[in-house]
Amino acid sequence: MQYRRLGRSAIVVSDICMGTMTFGSQVGEAVALRVLDRSYDAGINFYDTAEGYPVPPDVKWVGRTEEIVGKWLKTKPRDAIVLATKVSGPSHVWFRSPCREGMTALDRHNIVRAIEGSLRRLGTDYIDLYQTHWPDHDTSYDETMEVLDELVRAGKVRITGCSNETSWGLMKSLAAAERLGTARYQTIQNNFSLNNRRFEDELAQVCRKEGVSLIPYSPIAGGVLSGKYLNGQRPDGARFSRYLAMEGRQAEMGKRFVNDRTLAATERFMGIAAEAGLDPVTMAVAWSKQHDFVASTIVGVGAEDQLAPILAAADLELSQEVLRAIDKVSREIRYPMG
């Protein structure tokens, strides 16, 4: 396992991060605890959760993921773990947050309430990386950055980050922090995979020039890059098998990840992996890690047996031949996720 610094901070993390958004819904507590233990034993020191997890968002189980992570955290030396969680952004984007009756925003009231709840569920007195979960472009960035800075000064948070942010929003927040003299965002957590390379268009340059690290999620494109949805397959219990049978936000998300273009690209990526003697999941995770603006790639599982090909990406560096073959597919099937 390799280790990298988060932004310009003092925090160093494994270049694979274990995500937990399925824990408490798709993945039961017993399996979740085993996955966390196996990840720790493999050298992963970085774990990501959120107050709004698990997914799909639902009031009947909101907060359960943090409770499971908190139970596991008690079995490990706290200083050995870099723990990340998130405060829910506004509910006028993809979905209505299950937190605070959906009345979420990135103002002082919501951020203070959110951190208190997360600290209680996680059973710790500080969060290593506290992130805004979806941006709030209608709330003053000054207010958001000031209250996050207060949490840092109070010792409740070590560093801060954002997620699902735009180039404008990231630069706006960094400018506000510089002007106000507050803590700045050290990380951005956005979708990035072989099937979704939009981050490279503008945000990668912002990260390079401003010293912000990407910690990408969905490097396997929600499981699509494993090939399990090819040829019309809809595996029982798989996330997009469920989402495509639903309505609203989940159905739209399912169609974004599973469509003719993403499946065509996936089939070609699987051919590249086979020729290189790699599992396609291993190749996808290794590719994500192999970018200068990426500090740690967030992975996740819906079952314990999905962990092995992910961990196989530790210390793996893809050859230039494989990278060129991947780039050729990306040029010929541009933006398959839209």
Protein backbone atom coordinates (compact mmCIF):
# COMPACT_ATOMS: atom_id res chain seq x y z
CA MET A 1 0.00 0.00 0.00
CA GLN A 2 1.25 3.47 -0.91
CA TYR A 3 0.56 6.60 1.16
CA ARG A 4 -0.01 10.17 0.07
CA ARG A 5 -0.68 13.57 1.63
CA LEU A 6 -4.18 15.10 1.59
CA GLY A 7 -3.80 18.48 -0.10
CA ARG A 8 -1.34 20.70 1.74
CA SER A 9 -2.23 19.21 5.11
CA ALA A 10 -0.14 17.10 7.48
CA ILE A 11 -2.43 14.08 7.04
CA VAL A 12 -1.05 11.11 5.09
CA VAL A 13 -3.42 8.37 3.92
CA SER A 14 -3.32 5.05 2.08
CA ASP A 15 -3.98 5.49 -1.63
CA ILE A 16 -7.01 3.24 -1.27
CA CYS A 17 -9.82 4.45 1.00
CA MET A 18 -12.63 2.18 2.17
CA GLY A 19 -16.02 3.72 1.54
CA THR A 20 -18.97 2.65 3.65
CA MET A 21 -22.15 3.91 2.01
CA THR A 22 -23.68 0.42 1.69
CA PHE A 23 -23.13 -0.48 5.36
CA GLY A 24 -26.45 -0.80 7.16
CA SER A 25 -28.62 -1.31 4.07
CA GLN A 26 -27.17 -3.55 1.35
CA VAL A 27 -24.40 -4.78 3.68
CA GLY A 28 -25.29 -5.98 7.17
CA GLU A 29 -23.28 -5.13 10.26
CA ALA A 30 -21.44 -8.44 10.59
CA VAL A 31 -20.18 -8.36 6.99
CA ALA A 32 -19.35 -4.65 7.27
CA LEU A 33 -17.17 -5.25 10.32
CA ARG A 34 -15.30 -8.06 8.53
CA VAL A 35 -14.72 -5.84 5.48
CA LEU A 36 -13.36 -3.08 7.70
CA ASP A 37 -11.04 -5.52 9.50
CA ARG A 38 -9.73 -6.96 6.23
CA SER A 39 -9.15 -3.46 4.86
CA TYR A 40 -7.22 -2.46 7.97
CA ASP A 41 -5.11 -5.62 7.82
CA ALA A 42 -4.30 -4.83 4.17
CA GLY A 43 -2.83 -1.46 5.17
CA ILE A 44 -5.80 0.84 4.53
CA ASN A 45 -5.86 3.62 7.13
CA PHE A 46 -8.45 5.87 5.47
CA TYR A 47 -12.24 5.36 5.88
CA ASP A 48 -15.05 7.49 4.46
CA THR A 49 -18.65 7.78 5.63
CA ALA A 50 -21.41 10.42 5.88
CA GLU A 51 -24.23 11.46 8.16
CA GLY A 52 -26.72 10.64 5.39
CA TYR A 53 -25.53 7.05 4.81
CA PRO A 54 -26.44 4.31 3.99
CA VAL A 55 -27.83 4.57 0.47
CA PRO A 56 -30.31 4.81 -1.02
CA PRO A 57 -31.24 7.71 1.31
CA ASP A 58 -34.03 6.68 3.66
CA VAL A 59 -35.13 7.94 7.09
CA LYS A 60 -35.59 4.36 8.27
CA TRP A 61 -31.84 3.72 8.37
CA VAL A 62 -30.14 7.13 8.17
CA GLY A 63 -27.13 7.33 10.52
CA ARG A 64 -26.75 3.56 10.71
CA THR A 65 -23.51 3.58 8.70
CA GLU A 66 -21.78 5.94 11.12
CA GLU A 67 -22.95 3.77 14.01
CA ILE A 68 -21.39 0.67 12.44
CA VAL A 69 -18.14 2.50 11.71
CA GLY A 70 -18.15 3.84 15.26
CA LYS A 71 -18.54 0.34 16.69
CA TRP A 72 -15.59 -0.86 14.61
CA LEU A 73 -13.52 2.21 15.48
CA LYS A 74 -13.53 1.17 19.15
CA THR A 75 -11.57 -1.98 18.22
CA LYS A 76 -8.65 -0.02 16.68
CA PRO A 77 -6.17 2.58 17.94
CA ARG A 78 -7.89 5.88 17.12
CA ASP A 79 -4.66 7.52 15.97
CA ALA A 80 -4.14 4.74 13.42
CA ILE A 81 -7.34 5.67 11.55
CA VAL A 82 -7.96 8.65 9.28
CA LEU A 83 -11.72 9.07 9.52
CA ALA A 84 -13.75 11.11 7.05
CA THR A 85 -17.43 11.97 7.20
CA LYS A 86 -19.75 14.56 5.66
CA VAL A 87 -22.46 17.11 6.44
CA SER A 88 -25.46 16.94 4.09
CA GLY A 89 -25.75 19.74 1.59
CA PRO A 90 -29.06 21.15 0.38
CA SER A 91 -31.92 18.89 -0.65
CA HIS A 92 -32.56 20.66 -3.95
CA VAL A 93 -30.13 18.59 -5.98
CA TRP A 94 -30.45 14.89 -6.81
CA PHE A 95 -32.43 13.86 -3.78
CA ARG A 96 -34.03 14.91 -0.52
CA SER A 97 -31.65 14.32 2.36
CA PRO A 98 -32.97 11.99 5.08
CA CYS A 99 -31.28 14.22 7.69
CA ARG A 100 -33.17 16.95 9.59
CA GLU A 101 -36.41 16.30 7.70
CA GLY A 102 -34.69 17.28 4.48
CA MET A 103 -34.11 20.83 5.71
CA THR A 104 -30.37 20.69 5.09
CA ALA A 105 -27.99 23.42 4.00
CA LEU A 106 -24.38 24.42 4.58
CA ASP A 107 -25.14 27.20 7.08
CA ARG A 108 -24.01 27.47 10.70
CA HIS A 109 -27.12 25.82 12.15
CA ASN A 110 -26.89 22.70 9.98
CA ILE A 111 -23.13 22.24 10.17
CA VAL A 112 -23.08 22.49 13.98
CA ARG A 113 -25.98 20.05 14.35
CA ALA A 114 -24.44 17.66 11.85
CA ILE A 115 -21.02 17.47 13.48
CA GLU A 116 -22.57 16.88 16.91
CA GLY A 117 -24.60 13.97 15.56
CA SER A 118 -21.68 12.44 13.67
CA LEU A 119 -19.32 12.63 16.64
CA ARG A 120 -21.94 10.92 18.81
CA ARG A 121 -22.66 8.10 16.36
CA LEU A 122 -18.98 7.54 15.56
CA GLY A 123 -18.03 7.55 19.25
CA THR A 124 -15.07 9.88 18.78
CA ASP A 125 -14.22 13.43 19.78
CA TYR A 126 -12.75 14.49 16.42
CA ILE A 127 -13.09 13.91 12.68
CA ASP A 128 -9.92 13.85 10.59
CA LEU A 129 -11.55 15.03 7.35
CA TYR A 130 -14.93 16.78 7.49
CA GLN A 131 -16.55 17.29 4.08
CA THR A 132 -19.53 19.15 2.67
CA HIS A 133 -21.79 16.59 0.98
CA TRP A 134 -22.97 18.33 -2.21
CA PRO A 135 -22.29 22.05 -2.61
CA ASP A 136 -24.63 24.84 -1.49
CA HIS A 137 -24.19 27.59 -4.05
CA ASP A 138 -27.06 29.61 -2.55
CA THR A 139 -25.49 29.94 0.91
CA SER A 140 -22.60 32.34 1.45
CA TYR A 141 -19.25 30.56 1.15
CA ASP A 142 -18.04 32.98 3.83
CA GLU A 143 -20.47 31.50 6.36
CA THR A 144 -19.66 27.92 5.39
CA MET A 145 -15.89 28.41 5.59
CA GLU A 146 -16.09 30.39 8.85
CA VAL A 147 -18.09 27.75 10.71
CA LEU A 148 -15.86 24.95 9.38
CA ASP A 149 -12.86 26.95 10.58
CA GLU A 150 -14.43 27.20 14.05
CA LEU A 151 -14.68 23.39 14.16
CA VAL A 152 -11.00 23.11 13.26
CA ARG A 153 -10.01 25.62 15.94
CA ALA A 154 -12.17 23.77 18.48
CA GLY A 155 -10.33 20.51 17.74
CA LYS A 156 -13.45 18.73 16.48
CA VAL A 157 -12.11 18.60 12.91
CA ARG A 158 -8.52 18.36 11.61
CA ILE A 159 -9.05 19.37 7.96
CA THR A 160 -11.99 20.09 5.67
CA GLY A 161 -13.00 19.09 2.16
CA CYS A 162 -15.89 19.30 -0.29
CA SER A 163 -17.66 16.84 -2.56
CA ASN A 164 -19.52 16.93 -5.86
CA GLU A 165 -18.24 20.48 -6.29
CA THR A 166 -17.72 22.46 -9.49
CA SER A 167 -14.61 24.32 -10.60
CA TRP A 168 -16.35 27.59 -9.79
CA GLY A 169 -17.42 26.40 -6.37
CA LEU A 170 -14.00 25.06 -5.43
CA MET A 171 -12.26 28.28 -6.49
CA LYS A 172 -14.93 30.37 -4.74
CA SER A 173 -14.39 28.48 -1.47
CA LEU A 174 -10.60 28.73 -1.71
CA ALA A 175 -10.81 32.46 -2.39
CA ALA A 176 -13.15 32.95 0.59
CA ALA A 177 -10.82 31.00 2.88
CA GLU A 178 -7.80 33.00 1.75
CA ARG A 179 -9.60 36.32 2.18
CA LEU A 180 -11.02 35.41 5.61
CA GLY A 181 -7.91 33.63 6.87
CA THR A 182 -9.86 30.43 7.60
CA ALA A 183 -9.11 26.77 7.08
CA ARG A 184 -9.36 25.84 3.38
CA TYR A 185 -10.65 22.79 1.59
CA GLN A 186 -7.77 20.30 1.27
CA THR A 187 -9.76 17.69 -0.68
CA ILE A 188 -12.57 17.31 -3.17
CA GLN A 189 -14.56 14.09 -3.47
CA ASN A 190 -16.10 13.74 -6.93
CA ASN A 191 -17.10 10.93 -9.27
CA PHE A 192 -14.15 9.76 -11.39
CA SER A 193 -13.68 6.52 -13.30
CA LEU A 194 -12.83 5.03 -16.68
CA ASN A 195 -16.45 5.70 -17.64
CA ASN A 196 -16.51 9.25 -16.24
CA ARG A 197 -13.35 11.28 -16.91
CA ARG A 198 -14.97 14.73 -16.79
CA PHE A 199 -12.86 15.69 -13.77
CA GLU A 200 -9.86 15.89 -16.09
CA ASP A 201 -11.45 18.69 -18.14
CA GLU A 202 -11.10 21.53 -15.60
CA LEU A 203 -11.09 20.37 -11.99
CA ALA A 204 -7.83 18.45 -12.31
CA GLN A 205 -6.04 21.68 -13.20
CA VAL A 206 -7.60 23.47 -10.23
CA CYS A 207 -6.36 20.69 -7.94
CA ARG A 208 -2.84 20.82 -9.36
CA LYS A 209 -2.49 24.59 -9.15
CA GLU A 210 -4.25 25.06 -5.80
CA GLY A 211 -2.86 22.08 -3.90
CA VAL A 212 -6.18 20.27 -3.45
CA SER A 213 -6.37 16.47 -3.61
CA LEU A 214 -9.08 14.53 -5.39
CA ILE A 215 -10.37 11.53 -3.44
CA PRO A 216 -12.51 10.00 -6.20
CA TYR A 217 -15.53 7.82 -5.55
CA SER A 218 -17.08 5.18 -7.84
CA PRO A 219 -13.78 4.15 -9.50
CA ILE A 220 -15.55 0.97 -10.65
CA ALA A 221 -18.48 3.08 -11.89
CA GLY A 222 -20.82 1.65 -9.29
CA GLY A 223 -19.82 -1.90 -10.24
CA VAL A 224 -20.47 -1.41 -13.97
CA LEU A 225 -16.77 -1.80 -14.86
CA SER A 226 -16.79 -5.30 -13.37
CA GLY A 227 -18.87 -6.31 -16.38
CA LYS A 228 -21.78 -7.61 -14.31
CA TYR A 229 -24.35 -5.58 -16.27
CA LEU A 230 -23.20 -6.65 -19.75
CA ASN A 231 -25.52 -8.52 -22.10
CA GLY A 232 -28.62 -7.32 -20.29
CA GLN A 233 -27.65 -8.88 -16.96
CA ARG A 234 -29.31 -7.49 -13.84
CA PRO A 235 -27.70 -9.31 -10.89
CA ASP A 236 -29.92 -9.88 -7.88
CA GLY A 237 -29.25 -7.35 -5.13
CA ALA A 238 -26.92 -5.20 -7.25
CA ARG A 239 -27.39 -1.45 -6.80
CA PHE A 240 -28.35 -0.59 -10.36
CA SER A 241 -30.54 -3.66 -10.72
CA ARG A 242 -32.55 -2.13 -7.89
CA TYR A 243 -32.29 1.46 -9.07
CA LEU A 244 -33.42 0.71 -12.63
CA ALA A 245 -36.57 -0.86 -11.19
CA MET A 246 -37.33 2.27 -9.16
CA GLU A 247 -38.58 5.73 -10.11
CA GLY A 248 -37.24 9.25 -9.76
CA ARG A 249 -33.65 10.02 -8.82
CA GLN A 250 -32.58 6.39 -8.43
CA ALA A 251 -33.88 5.43 -11.88
CA GLU A 252 -32.16 8.41 -13.50
CA MET A 253 -28.91 7.56 -11.74
CA GLY A 254 -29.22 3.95 -12.90
CA LYS A 255 -29.62 5.06 -16.52
CA ARG A 256 -26.59 7.33 -16.24
CA PHE A 257 -24.38 4.47 -15.09
CA VAL A 258 -25.93 1.65 -17.16
CA ASN A 259 -26.59 2.62 -20.77
CA ASP A 260 -25.48 1.55 -24.24
CA ARG A 261 -22.37 3.77 -24.21
CA THR A 262 -21.15 2.82 -20.73
CA LEU A 263 -21.64 -0.86 -21.51
CA ALA A 264 -19.83 -0.56 -24.85
CA ALA A 265 -16.89 1.16 -23.16
CA THR A 266 -16.90 -1.38 -20.34
CA GLU A 267 -16.72 -4.29 -22.77
CA ARG A 268 -13.63 -2.78 -24.39
CA PHE A 269 -12.00 -2.02 -21.04
CA MET A 270 -12.58 -5.62 -20.02
CA GLY A 271 -10.74 -6.73 -23.16
CA ILE A 272 -7.77 -4.53 -22.25
CA ALA A 273 -7.73 -5.97 -18.73
CA ALA A 274 -7.89 -9.55 -20.01
CA GLU A 275 -4.99 -8.97 -22.39
CA ALA A 276 -2.95 -7.53 -19.50
CA GLY A 277 -3.85 -10.48 -17.26
CA LEU A 278 -5.81 -8.30 -14.85
CA ASP A 279 -9.23 -8.43 -13.26
CA PRO A 280 -11.18 -5.45 -14.71
CA VAL A 281 -11.94 -4.20 -11.18
CA THR A 282 -8.24 -4.28 -10.30
CA MET A 283 -7.40 -2.35 -13.47
CA ALA A 284 -10.09 0.27 -12.82
CA VAL A 285 -8.89 0.96 -9.26
CA ALA A 286 -5.22 1.03 -10.30
CA TRP A 287 -6.02 3.48 -13.13
CA SER A 288 -7.76 5.83 -10.70
CA LYS A 289 -4.81 5.81 -8.31
CA GLN A 290 -2.35 6.55 -11.13
CA HIS A 291 -3.10 10.29 -11.39
CA ASP A 292 -0.98 13.06 -9.90
CA PHE A 293 -4.02 14.95 -8.56
CA VAL A 294 -5.46 11.88 -6.76
CA ALA A 295 -4.49 11.24 -3.12
CA SER A 296 -6.67 8.22 -2.37
CA THR A 297 -9.32 6.32 -4.33
CA ILE A 298 -12.53 5.51 -2.46
CA VAL A 299 -13.75 1.97 -3.03
CA GLY A 300 -16.81 0.18 -1.75
CA VAL A 301 -18.35 -3.27 -1.72
CA GLY A 302 -21.79 -4.78 -1.66
CA ALA A 303 -20.44 -8.20 -0.60
CA GLU A 304 -17.29 -9.42 1.11
CA ASP A 305 -16.03 -11.38 -1.91
CA GLN A 306 -15.76 -8.14 -3.91
CA LEU A 307 -12.86 -6.99 -1.74
CA ALA A 308 -10.08 -9.20 -3.17
CA PRO A 309 -9.77 -7.67 -6.68
CA ILE A 310 -9.85 -4.19 -5.14
CA LEU A 311 -7.00 -4.94 -2.75
CA ALA A 312 -5.06 -6.47 -5.64
CA ALA A 313 -4.67 -2.92 -6.99
CA ALA A 314 -2.42 -1.98 -4.06
CA ASP A 315 1.10 -1.26 -5.37
CA LEU A 316 0.00 -2.02 -8.95
CA GLU A 317 1.18 0.39 -11.63
CA LEU A 318 -0.38 0.04 -15.07
CA SER A 319 2.00 -0.05 -18.03
CA GLN A 320 2.11 2.74 -20.61
CA GLU A 321 0.73 0.26 -23.15
CA VAL A 322 -2.35 -0.36 -21.01
CA LEU A 323 -2.80 3.37 -20.38
CA ARG A 324 -2.62 4.13 -24.11
CA ALA A 325 -5.22 1.43 -24.86
CA ILE A 326 -7.52 2.91 -22.20
CA ASP A 327 -7.11 6.42 -23.61
CA LYS A 328 -8.00 5.16 -27.08
CA VAL A 329 -11.35 3.86 -25.80
CA SER A 330 -12.00 7.16 -23.99
CA ARG A 331 -11.35 9.12 -27.19
CA GLU A 332 -13.63 6.92 -29.29
CA ILE A 333 -16.47 6.69 -26.74
CA ARG A 334 -16.41 10.14 -25.19
CA TYR A 335 -18.22 10.82 -21.90
CA PRO A 336 -20.27 7.58 -21.81
CA MET A 337 -21.96 8.74 -18.59
CA GLY A 338 -22.95 12.02 -20.19
